[in-house]
Amino acid sequence: MKYKKTVYQALATISQFGINMLVPIFLCSFVGIFLDKKLGTSYFMIIFFFAGALAGLRNVFLLARKIYEDEEGRSPYGRKRRKNGK
């Protein structure tokens, strides 16, 4: 039974990575498209797409860092995180 639990946890983690990357990209792209239509421009979508990609990368990085820390708050790189999460 423990095997099934770890498989489901792995699938949930993989899904979280995808969602954390794609949602900011789509939201920012739609905001950029809306602004381009409203203002009659053609460059806001590109700017907001890259802003969404950067936000998604940051989300994935924070999630990965959180996963690889052990229970005591130590990262695999030897630094201990502060209690406020930084």
N, C-alpha and C. Protein backbone atom coordinates (compact mmCIF):
# COMPACT_ATOMS: atom_id res chain seq x y z
N MET A 1 0.82 -1.20 0.00
CA MET A 1 0.00 0.00 0.00
C MET A 1 0.86 1.26 0.00
N LYS A 2 2.03 1.19 0.66
CA LYS A 2 2.91 2.35 0.72
C LYS A 2 3.40 2.73 -0.68
N TYR A 3 3.61 1.74 -1.53
CA TYR A 3 4.07 2.02 -2.89
C TYR A 3 3.06 2.89 -3.63
N LYS A 4 1.78 2.58 -3.53
CA LYS A 4 0.75 3.36 -4.21
C LYS A 4 0.72 4.80 -3.70
N LYS A 5 0.94 4.96 -2.41
CA LYS A 5 0.92 6.30 -1.82
C LYS A 5 2.07 7.14 -2.38
N THR A 6 3.25 6.57 -2.52
CA THR A 6 4.38 7.35 -3.04
C THR A 6 4.20 7.65 -4.52
N VAL A 7 3.59 6.74 -5.26
CA VAL A 7 3.33 7.00 -6.68
C VAL A 7 2.36 8.16 -6.83
N TYR A 8 1.30 8.15 -6.03
CA TYR A 8 0.33 9.24 -6.10
C TYR A 8 0.93 10.57 -5.66
N GLN A 9 1.79 10.52 -4.66
CA GLN A 9 2.47 11.74 -4.23
C GLN A 9 3.37 12.28 -5.33
N ALA A 10 4.07 11.38 -6.03
CA ALA A 10 4.94 11.81 -7.14
C ALA A 10 4.12 12.42 -8.27
N LEU A 11 2.99 11.79 -8.60
CA LEU A 11 2.13 12.34 -9.65
C LEU A 11 1.56 13.70 -9.26
N ALA A 12 1.19 13.85 -8.00
CA ALA A 12 0.68 15.14 -7.53
C ALA A 12 1.76 16.21 -7.61
N THR A 13 2.99 15.84 -7.26
CA THR A 13 4.10 16.80 -7.33
C THR A 13 4.38 17.22 -8.76
N ILE A 14 4.37 16.26 -9.67
CA ILE A 14 4.60 16.59 -11.09
C ILE A 14 3.49 17.51 -11.60
N SER A 15 2.26 17.23 -11.20
CA SER A 15 1.14 18.09 -11.60
C SER A 15 1.30 19.50 -11.05
N GLN A 16 1.76 19.61 -9.82
CA GLN A 16 1.97 20.93 -9.22
C GLN A 16 3.02 21.72 -10.00
N PHE A 17 4.08 21.05 -10.44
CA PHE A 17 5.10 21.75 -11.23
C PHE A 17 4.49 22.31 -12.51
N GLY A 18 3.68 21.51 -13.20
CA GLY A 18 3.06 21.96 -14.44
C GLY A 18 2.10 23.11 -14.22
N ILE A 19 1.28 22.98 -13.20
CA ILE A 19 0.30 24.04 -12.91
C ILE A 19 0.99 25.32 -12.49
N ASN A 20 2.03 25.20 -11.65
CA ASN A 20 2.76 26.39 -11.19
C ASN A 20 3.49 27.09 -12.33
N MET A 21 3.77 26.38 -13.41
CA MET A 21 4.45 27.01 -14.54
C MET A 21 3.44 27.59 -15.53
N LEU A 22 2.36 26.87 -15.80
CA LEU A 22 1.46 27.27 -16.88
C LEU A 22 0.46 28.35 -16.49
N VAL A 23 -0.03 28.33 -15.28
CA VAL A 23 -1.07 29.30 -14.89
C VAL A 23 -0.58 30.75 -15.00
N PRO A 24 0.60 31.10 -14.47
CA PRO A 24 1.05 32.49 -14.63
C PRO A 24 1.27 32.89 -16.10
N ILE A 25 1.75 31.94 -16.90
CA ILE A 25 1.97 32.25 -18.32
C ILE A 25 0.64 32.56 -19.00
N PHE A 26 -0.37 31.70 -18.79
CA PHE A 26 -1.67 31.93 -19.42
C PHE A 26 -2.33 33.21 -18.92
N LEU A 27 -2.31 33.42 -17.62
CA LEU A 27 -2.96 34.62 -17.09
C LEU A 27 -2.30 35.89 -17.62
N CYS A 28 -0.98 35.92 -17.58
CA CYS A 28 -0.28 37.11 -18.07
C CYS A 28 -0.47 37.29 -19.57
N SER A 29 -0.50 36.20 -20.32
CA SER A 29 -0.73 36.31 -21.76
C SER A 29 -2.10 36.87 -22.06
N PHE A 30 -3.12 36.40 -21.34
CA PHE A 30 -4.47 36.91 -21.56
C PHE A 30 -4.59 38.38 -21.18
N VAL A 31 -3.91 38.79 -20.12
CA VAL A 31 -3.90 40.21 -19.75
C VAL A 31 -3.22 41.02 -20.86
N GLY A 32 -2.12 40.50 -21.39
CA GLY A 32 -1.43 41.19 -22.48
C GLY A 32 -2.28 41.30 -23.73
N ILE A 33 -3.00 40.24 -24.07
CA ILE A 33 -3.89 40.27 -25.24
C ILE A 33 -5.01 41.29 -25.02
N PHE A 34 -5.58 41.29 -23.81
CA PHE A 34 -6.64 42.24 -23.49
C PHE A 34 -6.14 43.68 -23.63
N LEU A 35 -4.94 43.96 -23.08
CA LEU A 35 -4.39 45.32 -23.17
C LEU A 35 -4.08 45.69 -24.62
N ASP A 36 -3.57 44.74 -25.40
CA ASP A 36 -3.28 45.03 -26.80
C ASP A 36 -4.55 45.39 -27.56
N LYS A 37 -5.62 44.66 -27.31
CA LYS A 37 -6.89 44.96 -28.00
C LYS A 37 -7.46 46.30 -27.54
N LYS A 38 -7.37 46.55 -26.22
CA LYS A 38 -7.93 47.77 -25.66
C LYS A 38 -7.16 49.01 -26.12
N LEU A 39 -5.83 48.90 -26.16
CA LEU A 39 -5.00 50.07 -26.48
C LEU A 39 -4.56 50.13 -27.94
N GLY A 40 -4.85 49.09 -28.71
CA GLY A 40 -4.46 49.09 -30.11
C GLY A 40 -2.97 48.90 -30.33
N THR A 41 -2.31 48.22 -29.41
CA THR A 41 -0.87 47.98 -29.54
C THR A 41 -0.63 46.53 -29.90
N SER A 42 0.64 46.15 -30.03
CA SER A 42 0.94 44.77 -30.37
C SER A 42 2.14 44.22 -29.60
N TYR A 43 2.49 44.82 -28.50
CA TYR A 43 3.68 44.35 -27.79
C TYR A 43 3.42 43.97 -26.34
N PHE A 44 2.27 44.32 -25.79
CA PHE A 44 2.01 43.98 -24.38
C PHE A 44 1.92 42.47 -24.16
N MET A 45 1.38 41.74 -25.14
CA MET A 45 1.26 40.29 -24.98
C MET A 45 2.63 39.66 -24.81
N ILE A 46 3.60 40.10 -25.58
CA ILE A 46 4.95 39.55 -25.50
C ILE A 46 5.58 39.87 -24.15
N ILE A 47 5.43 41.11 -23.71
CA ILE A 47 6.00 41.52 -22.43
C ILE A 47 5.38 40.73 -21.28
N PHE A 48 4.06 40.62 -21.30
CA PHE A 48 3.38 39.91 -20.22
C PHE A 48 3.63 38.40 -20.29
N PHE A 49 3.82 37.86 -21.49
CA PHE A 49 4.16 36.44 -21.62
C PHE A 49 5.47 36.14 -20.90
N PHE A 50 6.48 36.96 -21.15
CA PHE A 50 7.78 36.73 -20.51
C PHE A 50 7.71 37.00 -19.01
N ALA A 51 6.91 37.97 -18.61
CA ALA A 51 6.72 38.20 -17.16
C ALA A 51 6.06 36.98 -16.52
N GLY A 52 5.08 36.38 -17.19
CA GLY A 52 4.44 35.17 -16.69
C GLY A 52 5.40 33.99 -16.64
N ALA A 53 6.28 33.89 -17.65
CA ALA A 53 7.26 32.81 -17.66
C ALA A 53 8.24 32.96 -16.49
N LEU A 54 8.65 34.19 -16.22
CA LEU A 54 9.54 34.41 -15.08
C LEU A 54 8.84 34.10 -13.76
N ALA A 55 7.58 34.48 -13.65
CA ALA A 55 6.82 34.17 -12.43
C ALA A 55 6.65 32.66 -12.28
N GLY A 56 6.40 31.96 -13.37
CA GLY A 56 6.27 30.51 -13.32
C GLY A 56 7.56 29.83 -12.91
N LEU A 57 8.68 30.31 -13.46
CA LEU A 57 9.98 29.75 -13.07
C LEU A 57 10.26 29.97 -11.59
N ARG A 58 9.88 31.14 -11.10
CA ARG A 58 10.07 31.42 -9.67
C ARG A 58 9.21 30.48 -8.83
N ASN A 59 7.97 30.26 -9.24
CA ASN A 59 7.10 29.35 -8.52
C ASN A 59 7.66 27.93 -8.48
N VAL A 60 8.15 27.46 -9.63
CA VAL A 60 8.72 26.12 -9.70
C VAL A 60 9.97 26.02 -8.84
N PHE A 61 10.80 27.06 -8.86
CA PHE A 61 12.00 27.06 -8.03
C PHE A 61 11.65 26.98 -6.55
N LEU A 62 10.68 27.78 -6.12
CA LEU A 62 10.29 27.76 -4.71
C LEU A 62 9.69 26.42 -4.32
N LEU A 63 8.90 25.82 -5.20
CA LEU A 63 8.32 24.51 -4.91
C LEU A 63 9.41 23.45 -4.82
N ALA A 64 10.36 23.48 -5.73
CA ALA A 64 11.44 22.50 -5.70
C ALA A 64 12.29 22.65 -4.45
N ARG A 65 12.56 23.88 -4.07
CA ARG A 65 13.34 24.11 -2.85
C ARG A 65 12.59 23.60 -1.62
N LYS A 66 11.30 23.80 -1.61
CA LYS A 66 10.48 23.34 -0.48
C LYS A 66 10.47 21.81 -0.41
N ILE A 67 10.41 21.14 -1.54
CA ILE A 67 10.36 19.68 -1.57
C ILE A 67 11.67 19.08 -1.10
N TYR A 68 12.79 19.68 -1.48
CA TYR A 68 14.08 19.08 -1.17
C TYR A 68 14.61 19.42 0.22
N GLU A 69 13.90 20.21 0.95
CA GLU A 69 14.31 20.46 2.33
C GLU A 69 13.82 19.32 3.20
N ASP A 70 14.57 19.01 4.22
CA ASP A 70 14.12 17.97 5.13
C ASP A 70 13.24 18.56 6.22
N GLU A 71 12.84 17.73 7.15
CA GLU A 71 11.87 18.15 8.17
C GLU A 71 12.39 19.25 9.07
N GLU A 72 13.71 19.35 9.25
CA GLU A 72 14.29 20.34 10.15
C GLU A 72 14.52 21.68 9.48
N GLY A 73 14.13 21.80 8.22
CA GLY A 73 14.30 23.07 7.53
C GLY A 73 15.66 23.24 6.88
N ARG A 74 16.44 22.16 6.82
CA ARG A 74 17.75 22.25 6.19
C ARG A 74 17.65 21.91 4.71
N SER A 75 18.30 22.69 3.90
CA SER A 75 18.32 22.40 2.48
C SER A 75 19.47 21.43 2.21
N PRO A 76 19.51 20.79 1.04
CA PRO A 76 20.61 19.88 0.74
C PRO A 76 21.94 20.63 0.58
N TYR A 77 21.90 21.94 0.57
CA TYR A 77 23.11 22.73 0.41
C TYR A 77 23.70 23.15 1.74
N GLY A 78 23.09 22.73 2.83
CA GLY A 78 23.65 22.97 4.15
C GLY A 78 23.18 24.23 4.85
N ARG A 79 22.41 25.06 4.19
CA ARG A 79 21.93 26.27 4.84
C ARG A 79 20.61 26.00 5.53
N LYS A 80 20.45 26.54 6.69
CA LYS A 80 19.19 26.38 7.42
C LYS A 80 18.31 27.59 7.14
N ARG A 81 17.05 27.33 6.81
CA ARG A 81 16.13 28.42 6.52
C ARG A 81 15.64 29.04 7.80
N ARG A 82 15.35 30.33 7.72
CA ARG A 82 14.77 31.03 8.87
C ARG A 82 13.32 30.63 9.03
N LYS A 83 12.77 30.96 10.18
CA LYS A 83 11.39 30.56 10.47
C LYS A 83 10.37 31.28 9.60
N ASN A 84 10.69 32.47 9.11
CA ASN A 84 9.71 33.21 8.30
C ASN A 84 9.68 32.73 6.85
N GLY A 85 10.42 31.67 6.52
CA GLY A 85 10.34 31.10 5.18
C GLY A 85 11.36 31.62 4.21
N LYS A 86 12.33 32.39 4.65
CA LYS A 86 13.32 32.93 3.72
C LYS A 86 14.69 32.38 4.02
